[in-house]
Amino acid sequence: MLLEQHRQMQTMLAEKEALRQEAEQAKREVVIAKQQTIELTSTVTKQKKELERSERTIKELLQALKGKKRERLDPNQLLLFELGELEQLIEEAARTEETQPDQNAATKPAARKK
């Protein structure tokens, strides 16, 4: 009887150790999963920003293609540039447009008072 109880105790201790090891492994897996979630979230955020930037560039290019006749571009001209160069040109044009109204306002003569 005492021998039987000793065997049961050893079995229970072995099971306890196995459960402890499984719990430790599960904790490590949870930590890894959290790290992967953070990395994936970061990647998704970066990809969304890149997609938004690309969509904005496409929209601006389409507006340039469909703009006023004097401002229209031949679609074949766009093949001469890389995407990064086109984005830079669009940004420069936008900055120029933003500063031109201020310059025009400064060069217009003041209205006469009667």
C-alpha atoms as a PDB file:
ATOM      1  CA  MET A   1       0.000   0.000   0.000  1.00  0.00           C
ATOM      2  CA  LEU A   2       2.769   2.435   0.893  1.00  0.00           C
ATOM      3  CA  LEU A   3       4.562   1.524  -2.315  1.00  0.00           C
ATOM      4  CA  GLU A   4       1.410   2.227  -4.325  1.00  0.00           C
ATOM      5  CA  GLN A   5       1.025   5.676  -2.709  1.00  0.00           C
ATOM      6  CA  HIS A   6       4.682   6.442  -3.456  1.00  0.00           C
ATOM      7  CA  ARG A   7       4.162   5.581  -7.155  1.00  0.00           C
ATOM      8  CA  GLN A   8       1.034   7.741  -7.314  1.00  0.00           C
ATOM      9  CA  MET A   9       2.959  10.625  -5.724  1.00  0.00           C
ATOM     10  CA  GLN A  10       5.777  10.262  -8.277  1.00  0.00           C
ATOM     11  CA  THR A  11       3.262  10.167 -11.121  1.00  0.00           C
ATOM     12  CA  MET A  12       1.541  13.294  -9.815  1.00  0.00           C
ATOM     13  CA  LEU A  13       4.879  15.108  -9.442  1.00  0.00           C
ATOM     14  CA  ALA A  14       5.840  14.173 -13.017  1.00  0.00           C
ATOM     15  CA  GLU A  15       2.488  15.405 -14.300  1.00  0.00           C
ATOM     16  CA  LYS A  16       2.892  18.626 -12.313  1.00  0.00           C
ATOM     17  CA  GLU A  17       6.344  19.218 -13.863  1.00  0.00           C
ATOM     18  CA  ALA A  18       4.990  18.510 -17.357  1.00  0.00           C
ATOM     19  CA  LEU A  19       2.169  21.016 -16.789  1.00  0.00           C
ATOM     20  CA  ARG A  20       4.646  23.615 -15.502  1.00  0.00           C
ATOM     21  CA  GLN A  21       6.792  23.183 -18.619  1.00  0.00           C
ATOM     22  CA  GLU A  22       3.729  23.465 -20.859  1.00  0.00           C
ATOM     23  CA  ALA A  23       2.692  26.657 -19.054  1.00  0.00           C
ATOM     24  CA  GLU A  24       6.172  28.147 -19.531  1.00  0.00           C
ATOM     25  CA  GLN A  25       6.095  27.253 -23.226  1.00  0.00           C
ATOM     26  CA  ALA A  26       2.642  28.818 -23.563  1.00  0.00           C
ATOM     27  CA  LYS A  27       3.935  32.031 -21.926  1.00  0.00           C
ATOM     28  CA  ARG A  28       6.850  32.179 -24.382  1.00  0.00           C
ATOM     29  CA  GLU A  29       4.464  31.659 -27.291  1.00  0.00           C
ATOM     30  CA  VAL A  30       2.216  34.471 -26.035  1.00  0.00           C
ATOM     31  CA  VAL A  31       5.201  36.842 -25.858  1.00  0.00           C
ATOM     32  CA  ILE A  32       6.229  35.893 -29.396  1.00  0.00           C
ATOM     33  CA  ALA A  33       2.668  36.345 -30.653  1.00  0.00           C
ATOM     34  CA  LYS A  34       2.490  39.814 -29.073  1.00  0.00           C
ATOM     35  CA  GLN A  35       5.783  40.807 -30.723  1.00  0.00           C
ATOM     36  CA  GLN A  36       4.556  39.545 -34.073  1.00  0.00           C
ATOM     37  CA  THR A  37       1.314  41.478 -33.643  1.00  0.00           C
ATOM     38  CA  ILE A  38       3.250  44.673 -32.973  1.00  0.00           C
ATOM     39  CA  GLU A  39       5.463  44.111 -36.014  1.00  0.00           C
ATOM     40  CA  LEU A  40       2.506  43.317 -38.261  1.00  0.00           C
ATOM     41  CA  THR A  41       0.590  46.355 -37.040  1.00  0.00           C
ATOM     42  CA  SER A  42       3.604  48.525 -37.816  1.00  0.00           C
ATOM     43  CA  THR A  43       3.920  46.992 -41.266  1.00  0.00           C
ATOM     44  CA  VAL A  44       0.229  47.509 -42.003  1.00  0.00           C
ATOM     45  CA  THR A  45       0.467  51.154 -40.896  1.00  0.00           C
ATOM     46  CA  LYS A  46       3.481  51.756 -43.141  1.00  0.00           C
ATOM     47  CA  GLN A  47       1.774  50.034 -46.065  1.00  0.00           C
ATOM     48  CA  LYS A  48      -1.390  52.117 -45.586  1.00  0.00           C
ATOM     49  CA  LYS A  49       0.659  55.328 -45.628  1.00  0.00           C
ATOM     50  CA  GLU A  50       2.491  54.198 -48.754  1.00  0.00           C
ATOM     51  CA  LEU A  51      -0.803  53.273 -50.420  1.00  0.00           C
ATOM     52  CA  GLU A  52      -2.331  56.650 -49.523  1.00  0.00           C
ATOM     53  CA  ARG A  53       0.730  58.434 -50.896  1.00  0.00           C
ATOM     54  CA  SER A  54       0.568  56.403 -54.127  1.00  0.00           C
ATOM     55  CA  GLU A  55      -3.177  57.033 -54.478  1.00  0.00           C
ATOM     56  CA  ARG A  56      -2.598  60.760 -53.958  1.00  0.00           C
ATOM     57  CA  THR A  57       0.122  60.732 -56.623  1.00  0.00           C
ATOM     58  CA  ILE A  58      -2.121  58.880 -59.063  1.00  0.00           C
ATOM     59  CA  LYS A  59      -4.942  61.346 -58.405  1.00  0.00           C
ATOM     60  CA  GLU A  60      -2.633  64.305 -58.970  1.00  0.00           C
ATOM     61  CA  LEU A  61      -1.276  62.772 -62.152  1.00  0.00           C
ATOM     62  CA  LEU A  62      -4.792  62.148 -63.442  1.00  0.00           C
ATOM     63  CA  GLN A  63      -5.722  65.743 -62.634  1.00  0.00           C
ATOM     64  CA  ALA A  64      -2.648  66.900 -64.532  1.00  0.00           C
ATOM     65  CA  LEU A  65      -3.672  64.762 -67.504  1.00  0.00           C
ATOM     66  CA  LYS A  66      -7.238  66.070 -67.483  1.00  0.00           C
ATOM     67  CA  GLY A  67      -6.371  69.652 -66.500  1.00  0.00           C
ATOM     68  CA  LYS A  68      -6.596  72.797 -68.561  1.00  0.00           C
ATOM     69  CA  LYS A  69      -5.388  72.403 -72.111  1.00  0.00           C
ATOM     70  CA  ARG A  70      -2.227  74.424 -71.508  1.00  0.00           C
ATOM     71  CA  GLU A  71      -1.469  72.301 -68.431  1.00  0.00           C
ATOM     72  CA  ARG A  72      -2.184  68.903 -69.951  1.00  0.00           C
ATOM     73  CA  LEU A  73       0.507  66.297 -70.140  1.00  0.00           C
ATOM     74  CA  ASP A  74       0.984  63.682 -72.782  1.00  0.00           C
ATOM     75  CA  PRO A  75       0.751  60.326 -70.951  1.00  0.00           C
ATOM     76  CA  ASN A  76       3.882  59.179 -72.786  1.00  0.00           C
ATOM     77  CA  GLN A  77       5.819  62.001 -71.126  1.00  0.00           C
ATOM     78  CA  LEU A  78       5.233  60.365 -67.756  1.00  0.00           C
ATOM     79  CA  LEU A  79       7.195  57.315 -68.891  1.00  0.00           C
ATOM     80  CA  LEU A  80      10.340  59.466 -68.881  1.00  0.00           C
ATOM     81  CA  PHE A  81      10.187  59.789 -65.102  1.00  0.00           C
ATOM     82  CA  GLU A  82      10.336  57.392 -62.199  1.00  0.00           C
ATOM     83  CA  LEU A  83       7.542  57.512 -59.625  1.00  0.00           C
ATOM     84  CA  GLY A  84       9.755  59.265 -57.062  1.00  0.00           C
ATOM     85  CA  GLU A  85      10.675  61.978 -59.564  1.00  0.00           C
ATOM     86  CA  LEU A  86       7.027  62.520 -60.485  1.00  0.00           C
ATOM     87  CA  GLU A  87       6.061  62.833 -56.828  1.00  0.00           C
ATOM     88  CA  GLN A  88       8.807  65.377 -56.274  1.00  0.00           C
ATOM     89  CA  LEU A  89       7.696  67.409 -59.323  1.00  0.00           C
ATOM     90  CA  ILE A  90       4.098  67.373 -58.115  1.00  0.00           C
ATOM     91  CA  GLU A  91       5.134  68.523 -54.649  1.00  0.00           C
ATOM     92  CA  GLU A  92       7.217  71.346 -56.147  1.00  0.00           C
ATOM     93  CA  ALA A  93       4.310  72.408 -58.351  1.00  0.00           C
ATOM     94  CA  ALA A  94       1.958  72.373 -55.356  1.00  0.00           C
ATOM     95  CA  ARG A  95       4.372  74.535 -53.352  1.00  0.00           C
ATOM     96  CA  THR A  96       4.669  76.944 -56.291  1.00  0.00           C
ATOM     97  CA  GLU A  97       0.882  77.201 -56.560  1.00  0.00           C
ATOM     98  CA  GLU A  98       0.618  77.863 -52.838  1.00  0.00           C
ATOM     99  CA  THR A  99       3.101  80.739 -52.973  1.00  0.00           C
ATOM    100  CA  GLN A 100       1.849  82.323 -56.209  1.00  0.00           C
ATOM    101  CA  PRO A 101      -1.435  83.726 -54.810  1.00  0.00           C
ATOM    102  CA  ASP A 102       0.541  85.521 -52.105  1.00  0.00           C
ATOM    103  CA  GLN A 103       2.914  86.927 -54.703  1.00  0.00           C
ATOM    104  CA  ASN A 104       0.043  88.008 -56.948  1.00  0.00           C
ATOM    105  CA  ALA A 105      -1.687  89.755 -54.059  1.00  0.00           C
ATOM    106  CA  ALA A 106       1.513  91.628 -53.262  1.00  0.00           C
ATOM    107  CA  THR A 107       1.996  92.814 -56.867  1.00  0.00           C
ATOM    108  CA  LYS A 108      -1.580  94.019 -57.460  1.00  0.00           C
ATOM    109  CA  PRO A 109      -2.046  97.743 -57.003  1.00  0.00           C
ATOM    110  CA  ALA A 110      -4.298  98.810 -54.167  1.00  0.00           C
ATOM    111  CA  ALA A 111      -7.825  99.806 -55.145  1.00  0.00           C
ATOM    112  CA  ARG A 112      -8.401 103.576 -55.359  1.00  0.00           C
ATOM    113  CA  LYS A 113     -10.598 105.253 -52.839  1.00  0.00           C
ATOM    114  CA  LYS A 114     -13.199 107.590 -54.273  1.00  0.00           C
END
